[in-house]
Amino acid sequence: MKSFSQKNHSLRTKLASIHLEQPVEQGILNAAITQLDKGEKEQAVLKDVKKQFKKLALTQDLSQKGLSLYTELQAPDKNIDTALSSMTWFQ
């Protein structure tokens, strides 16, 4: 299992490698990178990014590239989802 700092580093690396044309969208990613640099939890940062992208999507202010990223972020993580569901079996 990866340590917390490795997870944050990989998420940070992924976000830093993405460049979105719209300043608002890029600002969301830059803020997320800053949050990760300050040591905030990956799940909290992802939740915040998804929330902000959802607002843009609902107002139809999301670019095609931003929409693709939002769709990717919304995809379930099978490793995490399986682990969480199996925990409920044993409680």
PDB file of N, CA and C in Angstrom:
ATOM      1  N   MET A   1       0.839  -1.185   0.000  1.00  0.00           N
ATOM      2  CA  MET A   1       0.000   0.000   0.000  1.00  0.00           C
ATOM      3  C   MET A   1       0.880   1.243   0.000  1.00  0.00           C
ATOM      4  N   LYS A   2       0.487   2.230  -0.794  1.00  0.00           N
ATOM      5  CA  LYS A   2       1.252   3.464  -0.878  1.00  0.00           C
ATOM      6  C   LYS A   2       1.050   4.290   0.385  1.00  0.00           C
ATOM      7  N   SER A   3       2.113   4.991   0.758  1.00  0.00           N
ATOM      8  CA  SER A   3       1.968   5.889   1.889  1.00  0.00           C
ATOM      9  C   SER A   3       1.180   7.116   1.447  1.00  0.00           C
ATOM     10  N   PHE A   4       0.682   7.848   2.413  1.00  0.00           N
ATOM     11  CA  PHE A   4      -0.145   9.016   2.128  1.00  0.00           C
ATOM     12  C   PHE A   4       0.606  10.030   1.277  1.00  0.00           C
ATOM     13  N   SER A   5       1.875  10.272   1.593  1.00  0.00           N
ATOM     14  CA  SER A   5       2.633  11.277   0.833  1.00  0.00           C
ATOM     15  C   SER A   5       2.859  10.837  -0.603  1.00  0.00           C
ATOM     16  N   GLN A   6       3.021   9.535  -0.843  1.00  0.00           N
ATOM     17  CA  GLN A   6       3.175   9.048  -2.212  1.00  0.00           C
ATOM     18  C   GLN A   6       1.887   9.252  -2.997  1.00  0.00           C
ATOM     19  N   LYS A   7       0.729   9.006  -2.373  1.00  0.00           N
ATOM     20  CA  LYS A   7      -0.548   9.209  -3.046  1.00  0.00           C
ATOM     21  C   LYS A   7      -0.712  10.676  -3.424  1.00  0.00           C
ATOM     22  N   ASN A   8      -0.429  11.557  -2.473  1.00  0.00           N
ATOM     23  CA  ASN A   8      -0.553  12.986  -2.750  1.00  0.00           C
ATOM     24  C   ASN A   8       0.396  13.401  -3.857  1.00  0.00           C
ATOM     25  N   HIS A   9       1.592  12.848  -3.839  1.00  0.00           N
ATOM     26  CA  HIS A   9       2.577  13.201  -4.856  1.00  0.00           C
ATOM     27  C   HIS A   9       2.096  12.759  -6.233  1.00  0.00           C
ATOM     28  N   SER A  10       1.525  11.553  -6.333  1.00  0.00           N
ATOM     29  CA  SER A  10       1.071  11.089  -7.637  1.00  0.00           C
ATOM     30  C   SER A  10      -0.132  11.901  -8.127  1.00  0.00           C
ATOM     31  N   LEU A  11      -1.047  12.246  -7.237  1.00  0.00           N
ATOM     32  CA  LEU A  11      -2.181  13.084  -7.624  1.00  0.00           C
ATOM     33  C   LEU A  11      -1.679  14.463  -8.028  1.00  0.00           C
ATOM     34  N   ARG A  12      -0.742  14.978  -7.268  1.00  0.00           N
ATOM     35  CA  ARG A  12      -0.188  16.288  -7.580  1.00  0.00           C
ATOM     36  C   ARG A  12       0.481  16.264  -8.953  1.00  0.00           C
ATOM     37  N   THR A  13       1.247  15.220  -9.223  1.00  0.00           N
ATOM     38  CA  THR A  13       1.922  15.083 -10.505  1.00  0.00           C
ATOM     39  C   THR A  13       0.912  15.028 -11.639  1.00  0.00           C
ATOM     40  N   LYS A  14      -0.159  14.269 -11.435  1.00  0.00           N
ATOM     41  CA  LYS A  14      -1.187  14.146 -12.460  1.00  0.00           C
ATOM     42  C   LYS A  14      -1.853  15.498 -12.724  1.00  0.00           C
ATOM     43  N   LEU A  15      -2.221  16.198 -11.662  1.00  0.00           N
ATOM     44  CA  LEU A  15      -2.870  17.501 -11.825  1.00  0.00           C
ATOM     45  C   LEU A  15      -1.929  18.514 -12.469  1.00  0.00           C
ATOM     46  N   ALA A  16      -0.647  18.455 -12.100  1.00  0.00           N
ATOM     47  CA  ALA A  16       0.325  19.401 -12.661  1.00  0.00           C
ATOM     48  C   ALA A  16       0.562  19.149 -14.145  1.00  0.00           C
ATOM     49  N   SER A  17       0.338  17.926 -14.595  1.00  0.00           N
ATOM     50  CA  SER A  17       0.577  17.604 -16.000  1.00  0.00           C
ATOM     51  C   SER A  17      -0.583  18.014 -16.905  1.00  0.00           C
ATOM     52  N   ILE A  18      -1.698  18.409 -16.319  1.00  0.00           N
ATOM     53  CA  ILE A  18      -2.883  18.792 -17.079  1.00  0.00           C
ATOM     54  C   ILE A  18      -2.891  20.305 -17.270  1.00  0.00           C
ATOM     55  N   HIS A  19      -3.132  20.721 -18.506  1.00  0.00           N
ATOM     56  CA  HIS A  19      -3.271  22.154 -18.785  1.00  0.00           C
ATOM     57  C   HIS A  19      -4.621  22.378 -19.462  1.00  0.00           C
ATOM     58  N   LEU A  20      -5.459  23.143 -18.807  1.00  0.00           N
ATOM     59  CA  LEU A  20      -6.775  23.462 -19.358  1.00  0.00           C
ATOM     60  C   LEU A  20      -6.765  24.890 -19.894  1.00  0.00           C
ATOM     61  N   GLU A  21      -7.446  25.093 -21.002  1.00  0.00           N
ATOM     62  CA  GLU A  21      -7.458  26.393 -21.680  1.00  0.00           C
ATOM     63  C   GLU A  21      -8.187  27.476 -20.877  1.00  0.00           C
ATOM     64  N   GLN A  22      -9.283  27.104 -20.239  1.00  0.00           N
ATOM     65  CA  GLN A  22     -10.090  28.071 -19.488  1.00  0.00           C
ATOM     66  C   GLN A  22      -9.394  28.445 -18.173  1.00  0.00           C
ATOM     67  N   PRO A  23      -9.196  29.737 -17.916  1.00  0.00           N
ATOM     68  CA  PRO A  23      -8.519  30.170 -16.688  1.00  0.00           C
ATOM     69  C   PRO A  23      -9.219  29.688 -15.407  1.00  0.00           C
ATOM     70  N   VAL A  24     -10.547  29.650 -15.425  1.00  0.00           N
ATOM     71  CA  VAL A  24     -11.285  29.212 -14.229  1.00  0.00           C
ATOM     72  C   VAL A  24     -10.978  27.744 -13.929  1.00  0.00           C
ATOM     73  N   GLU A  25     -10.989  26.920 -14.970  1.00  0.00           N
ATOM     74  CA  GLU A  25     -10.718  25.497 -14.802  1.00  0.00           C
ATOM     75  C   GLU A  25      -9.272  25.261 -14.346  1.00  0.00           C
ATOM     76  N   GLN A  26      -8.329  25.958 -14.965  1.00  0.00           N
ATOM     77  CA  GLN A  26      -6.931  25.812 -14.584  1.00  0.00           C
ATOM     78  C   GLN A  26      -6.720  26.302 -13.158  1.00  0.00           C
ATOM     79  N   GLY A  27      -7.452  27.341 -12.765  1.00  0.00           N
ATOM     80  CA  GLY A  27      -7.371  27.846 -11.399  1.00  0.00           C
ATOM     81  C   GLY A  27      -7.801  26.811 -10.375  1.00  0.00           C
ATOM     82  N   ILE A  28      -8.819  26.027 -10.717  1.00  0.00           N
ATOM     83  CA  ILE A  28      -9.273  24.951  -9.821  1.00  0.00           C
ATOM     84  C   ILE A  28      -8.152  23.936  -9.628  1.00  0.00           C
ATOM     85  N   LEU A  29      -7.495  23.561 -10.729  1.00  0.00           N
ATOM     86  CA  LEU A  29      -6.396  22.590 -10.635  1.00  0.00           C
ATOM     87  C   LEU A  29      -5.221  23.166  -9.850  1.00  0.00           C
ATOM     88  N   ASN A  30      -4.898  24.424 -10.090  1.00  0.00           N
ATOM     89  CA  ASN A  30      -3.793  25.057  -9.369  1.00  0.00           C
ATOM     90  C   ASN A  30      -4.080  25.130  -7.867  1.00  0.00           C
ATOM     91  N   ALA A  31      -5.322  25.428  -7.517  1.00  0.00           N
ATOM     92  CA  ALA A  31      -5.704  25.476  -6.099  1.00  0.00           C
ATOM     93  C   ALA A  31      -5.593  24.085  -5.473  1.00  0.00           C
ATOM     94  N   ALA A  32      -5.965  23.055  -6.223  1.00  0.00           N
ATOM     95  CA  ALA A  32      -5.869  21.679  -5.718  1.00  0.00           C
ATOM     96  C   ALA A  32      -4.412  21.297  -5.477  1.00  0.00           C
ATOM     97  N   ILE A  33      -3.537  21.700  -6.388  1.00  0.00           N
ATOM     98  CA  ILE A  33      -2.105  21.419  -6.221  1.00  0.00           C
ATOM     99  C   ILE A  33      -1.581  22.101  -4.963  1.00  0.00           C
ATOM    100  N   THR A  34      -1.996  23.333  -4.757  1.00  0.00           N
ATOM    101  CA  THR A  34      -1.587  24.072  -3.562  1.00  0.00           C
ATOM    102  C   THR A  34      -2.086  23.384  -2.294  1.00  0.00           C
ATOM    103  N   GLN A  35      -3.331  22.910  -2.307  1.00  0.00           N
ATOM    104  CA  GLN A  35      -3.878  22.202  -1.159  1.00  0.00           C
ATOM    105  C   GLN A  35      -3.067  20.948  -0.860  1.00  0.00           C
ATOM    106  N   LEU A  36      -2.698  20.204  -1.893  1.00  0.00           N
ATOM    107  CA  LEU A  36      -1.904  18.995  -1.698  1.00  0.00           C
ATOM    108  C   LEU A  36      -0.522  19.337  -1.156  1.00  0.00           C
ATOM    109  N   ASP A  37       0.063  20.427  -1.644  1.00  0.00           N
ATOM    110  CA  ASP A  37       1.371  20.861  -1.154  1.00  0.00           C
ATOM    111  C   ASP A  37       1.318  21.228   0.326  1.00  0.00           C
ATOM    112  N   LYS A  38       0.168  21.711   0.775  1.00  0.00           N
ATOM    113  CA  LYS A  38       0.002  22.078   2.180  1.00  0.00           C
ATOM    114  C   LYS A  38      -0.310  20.868   3.067  1.00  0.00           C
ATOM    115  N   GLY A  39      -0.464  19.681   2.438  1.00  0.00           N
ATOM    116  CA  GLY A  39      -0.677  18.466   3.205  1.00  0.00           C
ATOM    117  C   GLY A  39      -2.120  18.059   3.398  1.00  0.00           C
ATOM    118  N   GLU A  40      -3.038  18.681   2.671  1.00  0.00           N
ATOM    119  CA  GLU A  40      -4.437  18.286   2.799  1.00  0.00           C
ATOM    120  C   GLU A  40      -4.637  16.885   2.225  1.00  0.00           C
ATOM    121  N   LYS A  41      -5.644  16.216   2.730  1.00  0.00           N
ATOM    122  CA  LYS A  41      -5.908  14.842   2.316  1.00  0.00           C
ATOM    123  C   LYS A  41      -6.380  14.779   0.871  1.00  0.00           C
ATOM    124  N   GLU A  42      -5.915  13.734   0.186  1.00  0.00           N
ATOM    125  CA  GLU A  42      -6.232  13.545  -1.220  1.00  0.00           C
ATOM    126  C   GLU A  42      -7.740  13.498  -1.457  1.00  0.00           C
ATOM    127  N   GLN A  43      -8.467  12.754  -0.641  1.00  0.00           N
ATOM    128  CA  GLN A  43      -9.912  12.614  -0.834  1.00  0.00           C
ATOM    129  C   GLN A  43     -10.624  13.958  -0.695  1.00  0.00           C
ATOM    130  N   ALA A  44     -10.194  14.772   0.255  1.00  0.00           N
ATOM    131  CA  ALA A  44     -10.808  16.088   0.443  1.00  0.00           C
ATOM    132  C   ALA A  44     -10.541  16.992  -0.756  1.00  0.00           C
ATOM    133  N   VAL A  45      -9.334  16.938  -1.276  1.00  0.00           N
ATOM    134  CA  VAL A  45      -8.974  17.750  -2.434  1.00  0.00           C
ATOM    135  C   VAL A  45      -9.773  17.298  -3.655  1.00  0.00           C
ATOM    136  N   LEU A  46      -9.846  15.981  -3.880  1.00  0.00           N
ATOM    137  CA  LEU A  46     -10.611  15.466  -5.013  1.00  0.00           C
ATOM    138  C   LEU A  46     -12.085  15.842  -4.912  1.00  0.00           C
ATOM    139  N   LYS A  47     -12.620  15.742  -3.714  1.00  0.00           N
ATOM    140  CA  LYS A  47     -14.031  16.099  -3.506  1.00  0.00           C
ATOM    141  C   LYS A  47     -14.265  17.563  -3.864  1.00  0.00           C
ATOM    142  N   ASP A  48     -13.355  18.418  -3.458  1.00  0.00           N
ATOM    143  CA  ASP A  48     -13.481  19.848  -3.741  1.00  0.00           C
ATOM    144  C   ASP A  48     -13.374  20.124  -5.247  1.00  0.00           C
ATOM    145  N   VAL A  49     -12.429  19.464  -5.913  1.00  0.00           N
ATOM    146  CA  VAL A  49     -12.265  19.638  -7.355  1.00  0.00           C
ATOM    147  C   VAL A  49     -13.527  19.189  -8.091  1.00  0.00           C
ATOM    148  N   LYS A  50     -14.047  18.024  -7.709  1.00  0.00           N
ATOM    149  CA  LYS A  50     -15.267  17.513  -8.342  1.00  0.00           C
ATOM    150  C   LYS A  50     -16.435  18.472  -8.136  1.00  0.00           C
ATOM    151  N   LYS A  51     -16.539  19.018  -6.924  1.00  0.00           N
ATOM    152  CA  LYS A  51     -17.633  19.945  -6.605  1.00  0.00           C
ATOM    153  C   LYS A  51     -17.560  21.196  -7.480  1.00  0.00           C
ATOM    154  N   GLN A  52     -16.356  21.730  -7.634  1.00  0.00           N
ATOM    155  CA  GLN A  52     -16.197  22.945  -8.432  1.00  0.00           C
ATOM    156  C   GLN A  52     -16.435  22.686  -9.918  1.00  0.00           C
ATOM    157  N   PHE A  53     -15.967  21.528 -10.405  1.00  0.00           N
ATOM    158  CA  PHE A  53     -16.209  21.185 -11.806  1.00  0.00           C
ATOM    159  C   PHE A  53     -17.690  20.914 -12.052  1.00  0.00           C
ATOM    160  N   LYS A  54     -18.366  20.351 -11.057  1.00  0.00           N
ATOM    161  CA  LYS A  54     -19.800  20.094 -11.201  1.00  0.00           C
ATOM    162  C   LYS A  54     -20.561  21.404 -11.350  1.00  0.00           C
ATOM    163  N   LYS A  55     -20.190  22.406 -10.553  1.00  0.00           N
ATOM    164  CA  LYS A  55     -20.838  23.718 -10.666  1.00  0.00           C
ATOM    165  C   LYS A  55     -20.677  24.284 -12.077  1.00  0.00           C
ATOM    166  N   LEU A  56     -19.465  24.166 -12.619  1.00  0.00           N
ATOM    167  CA  LEU A  56     -19.227  24.654 -13.979  1.00  0.00           C
ATOM    168  C   LEU A  56     -20.029  23.861 -15.005  1.00  0.00           C
ATOM    169  N   ALA A  57     -20.127  22.559 -14.798  1.00  0.00           N
ATOM    170  CA  ALA A  57     -20.879  21.716 -15.732  1.00  0.00           C
ATOM    171  C   ALA A  57     -22.366  22.062 -15.699  1.00  0.00           C
ATOM    172  N   LEU A  58     -22.903  22.308 -14.513  1.00  0.00           N
ATOM    173  CA  LEU A  58     -24.327  22.623 -14.391  1.00  0.00           C
ATOM    174  C   LEU A  58     -24.685  23.953 -15.042  1.00  0.00           C
ATOM    175  N   THR A  59     -23.746  24.874 -15.032  1.00  0.00           N
ATOM    176  CA  THR A  59     -23.994  26.168 -15.678  1.00  0.00           C
ATOM    177  C   THR A  59     -23.504  26.180 -17.122  1.00  0.00           C
ATOM    178  N   GLN A  60     -23.074  25.027 -17.604  1.00  0.00           N
ATOM    179  CA  GLN A  60     -22.575  24.840 -18.969  1.00  0.00           C
ATOM    180  C   GLN A  60     -21.396  25.758 -19.283  1.00  0.00           C
ATOM    181  N   ASP A  61     -20.544  25.972 -18.286  1.00  0.00           N
ATOM    182  CA  ASP A  61     -19.346  26.785 -18.459  1.00  0.00           C
ATOM    183  C   ASP A  61     -18.084  25.931 -18.495  1.00  0.00           C
ATOM    184  N   LEU A  62     -18.236  24.655 -18.777  1.00  0.00           N
ATOM    185  CA  LEU A  62     -17.111  23.724 -18.765  1.00  0.00           C
ATOM    186  C   LEU A  62     -16.676  23.443 -20.200  1.00  0.00           C
ATOM    187  N   SER A  63     -15.382  23.590 -20.464  1.00  0.00           N
ATOM    188  CA  SER A  63     -14.862  23.318 -21.803  1.00  0.00           C
ATOM    189  C   SER A  63     -14.886  21.806 -22.067  1.00  0.00           C
ATOM    190  N   GLN A  64     -14.659  21.436 -23.307  1.00  0.00           N
ATOM    191  CA  GLN A  64     -14.658  20.011 -23.665  1.00  0.00           C
ATOM    192  C   GLN A  64     -13.543  19.272 -22.922  1.00  0.00           C
ATOM    193  N   LYS A  65     -12.378  19.883 -22.833  1.00  0.00           N
ATOM    194  CA  LYS A  65     -11.254  19.262 -22.123  1.00  0.00           C
ATOM    195  C   LYS A  65     -11.559  19.174 -20.623  1.00  0.00           C
ATOM    196  N   GLY A  66     -12.180  20.214 -20.088  1.00  0.00           N
ATOM    197  CA  GLY A  66     -12.579  20.202 -18.681  1.00  0.00           C
ATOM    198  C   GLY A  66     -13.629  19.146 -18.415  1.00  0.00           C
ATOM    199  N   LEU A  67     -14.556  18.987 -19.349  1.00  0.00           N
ATOM    200  CA  LEU A  67     -15.587  17.958 -19.218  1.00  0.00           C
ATOM    201  C   LEU A  67     -14.972  16.565 -19.241  1.00  0.00           C
ATOM    202  N   SER A  68     -13.987  16.360 -20.083  1.00  0.00           N
ATOM    203  CA  SER A  68     -13.299  15.066 -20.130  1.00  0.00           C
ATOM    204  C   SER A  68     -12.609  14.768 -18.803  1.00  0.00           C
ATOM    205  N   LEU A  69     -11.970  15.768 -18.232  1.00  0.00           N
ATOM    206  CA  LEU A  69     -11.314  15.593 -16.941  1.00  0.00           C
ATOM    207  C   LEU A  69     -12.345  15.306 -15.849  1.00  0.00           C
ATOM    208  N   TYR A  70     -13.434  16.045 -15.841  1.00  0.00           N
ATOM    209  CA  TYR A  70     -14.490  15.844 -14.847  1.00  0.00           C
ATOM    210  C   TYR A  70     -15.053  14.425 -14.955  1.00  0.00           C
ATOM    211  N   THR A  71     -15.261  13.949 -16.174  1.00  0.00           N
ATOM    212  CA  THR A  71     -15.760  12.594 -16.388  1.00  0.00           C
ATOM    213  C   THR A  71     -14.770  11.575 -15.847  1.00  0.00           C
ATOM    214  N   GLU A  72     -13.491  11.807 -16.083  1.00  0.00           N
ATOM    215  CA  GLU A  72     -12.449  10.905 -15.578  1.00  0.00           C
ATOM    216  C   GLU A  72     -12.431  10.889 -14.049  1.00  0.00           C
ATOM    217  N   LEU A  73     -12.603  12.053 -13.446  1.00  0.00           N
ATOM    218  CA  LEU A  73     -12.610  12.133 -11.982  1.00  0.00           C
ATOM    219  C   LEU A  73     -13.822  11.425 -11.381  1.00  0.00           C
ATOM    220  N   GLN A  74     -14.918  11.414 -12.102  1.00  0.00           N
ATOM    221  CA  GLN A  74     -16.148  10.792 -11.627  1.00  0.00           C
ATOM    222  C   GLN A  74     -16.114   9.264 -11.733  1.00  0.00           C
ATOM    223  N   ALA A  75     -15.209   8.728 -12.544  1.00  0.00           N
ATOM    224  CA  ALA A  75     -15.138   7.273 -12.716  1.00  0.00           C
ATOM    225  C   ALA A  75     -14.798   6.618 -11.379  1.00  0.00           C
ATOM    226  N   PRO A  76     -15.478   5.530 -11.043  1.00  0.00           N
ATOM    227  CA  PRO A  76     -15.210   4.876  -9.757  1.00  0.00           C
ATOM    228  C   PRO A  76     -13.819   4.247  -9.730  1.00  0.00           C
ATOM    229  N   ASP A  77     -13.200   4.270  -8.567  1.00  0.00           N
ATOM    230  CA  ASP A  77     -11.915   3.607  -8.359  1.00  0.00           C
ATOM    231  C   ASP A  77     -12.220   2.223  -7.806  1.00  0.00           C
ATOM    232  N   LYS A  78     -12.054   1.211  -8.621  1.00  0.00           N
ATOM    233  CA  LYS A  78     -12.449  -0.141  -8.232  1.00  0.00           C
ATOM    234  C   LYS A  78     -11.702  -0.634  -7.004  1.00  0.00           C
ATOM    235  N   ASN A  79     -10.447  -0.261  -6.854  1.00  0.00           N
ATOM    236  CA  ASN A  79      -9.688  -0.700  -5.685  1.00  0.00           C
ATOM    237  C   ASN A  79     -10.271  -0.136  -4.397  1.00  0.00           C
ATOM    238  N   ILE A  80     -10.582   1.133  -4.389  1.00  0.00           N
ATOM    239  CA  ILE A  80     -11.133   1.771  -3.191  1.00  0.00           C
ATOM    240  C   ILE A  80     -12.560   1.299  -2.948  1.00  0.00           C
ATOM    241  N   ASP A  81     -13.383   1.262  -3.995  1.00  0.00           N
ATOM    242  CA  ASP A  81     -14.777   0.874  -3.840  1.00  0.00           C
ATOM    243  C   ASP A  81     -14.909  -0.564  -3.355  1.00  0.00           C
ATOM    244  N   THR A  82     -14.081  -1.460  -3.864  1.00  0.00           N
ATOM    245  CA  THR A  82     -14.121  -2.854  -3.421  1.00  0.00           C
ATOM    246  C   THR A  82     -13.696  -2.962  -1.964  1.00  0.00           C
ATOM    247  N   ALA A  83     -12.658  -2.235  -1.594  1.00  0.00           N
ATOM    248  CA  ALA A  83     -12.189  -2.269  -0.212  1.00  0.00           C
ATOM    249  C   ALA A  83     -13.256  -1.740   0.738  1.00  0.00           C
ATOM    250  N   LEU A  84     -13.902  -0.646   0.370  1.00  0.00           N
ATOM    251  CA  LEU A  84     -14.933  -0.076   1.236  1.00  0.00           C
ATOM    252  C   LEU A  84     -16.131  -1.004   1.365  1.00  0.00           C
ATOM    253  N   SER A  85     -16.541  -1.619   0.267  1.00  0.00           N
ATOM    254  CA  SER A  85     -17.704  -2.501   0.335  1.00  0.00           C
ATOM    255  C   SER A  85     -17.393  -3.773   1.110  1.00  0.00           C
ATOM    256  N   SER A  86     -16.159  -4.265   1.013  1.00  0.00           N
ATOM    257  CA  SER A  86     -15.821  -5.477   1.756  1.00  0.00           C
ATOM    258  C   SER A  86     -15.737  -5.204   3.245  1.00  0.00           C
ATOM    259  N   MET A  87     -15.421  -3.970   3.623  1.00  0.00           N
ATOM    260  CA  MET A  87     -15.375  -3.625   5.055  1.00  0.00           C
ATOM    261  C   MET A  87     -16.758  -3.751   5.675  1.00  0.00           C
ATOM    262  N   THR A  88     -17.795  -3.462   4.922  1.00  0.00           N
ATOM    263  CA  THR A  88     -19.150  -3.540   5.478  1.00  0.00           C
ATOM    264  C   THR A  88     -19.580  -4.986   5.668  1.00  0.00           C
ATOM    265  N   TRP A  89     -18.987  -5.901   4.942  1.00  0.00           N
ATOM    266  CA  TRP A  89     -19.340  -7.324   5.095  1.00  0.00           C
ATOM    267  C   TRP A  89     -18.948  -7.860   6.460  1.00  0.00           C
ATOM    268  N   PHE A  90     -17.884  -7.313   7.024  1.00  0.00           N
ATOM    269  CA  PHE A  90     -17.319  -7.857   8.248  1.00  0.00           C
ATOM    270  C   PHE A  90     -17.696  -7.072   9.496  1.00  0.00           C
ATOM    271  N   GLN A  91     -18.569  -6.132   9.361  1.00  0.00           N
ATOM    272  CA  GLN A  91     -18.931  -5.332  10.545  1.00  0.00           C
ATOM    273  C   GLN A  91     -20.167  -5.873  11.205  1.00  0.00           C
TER     274      GLN A  91
END
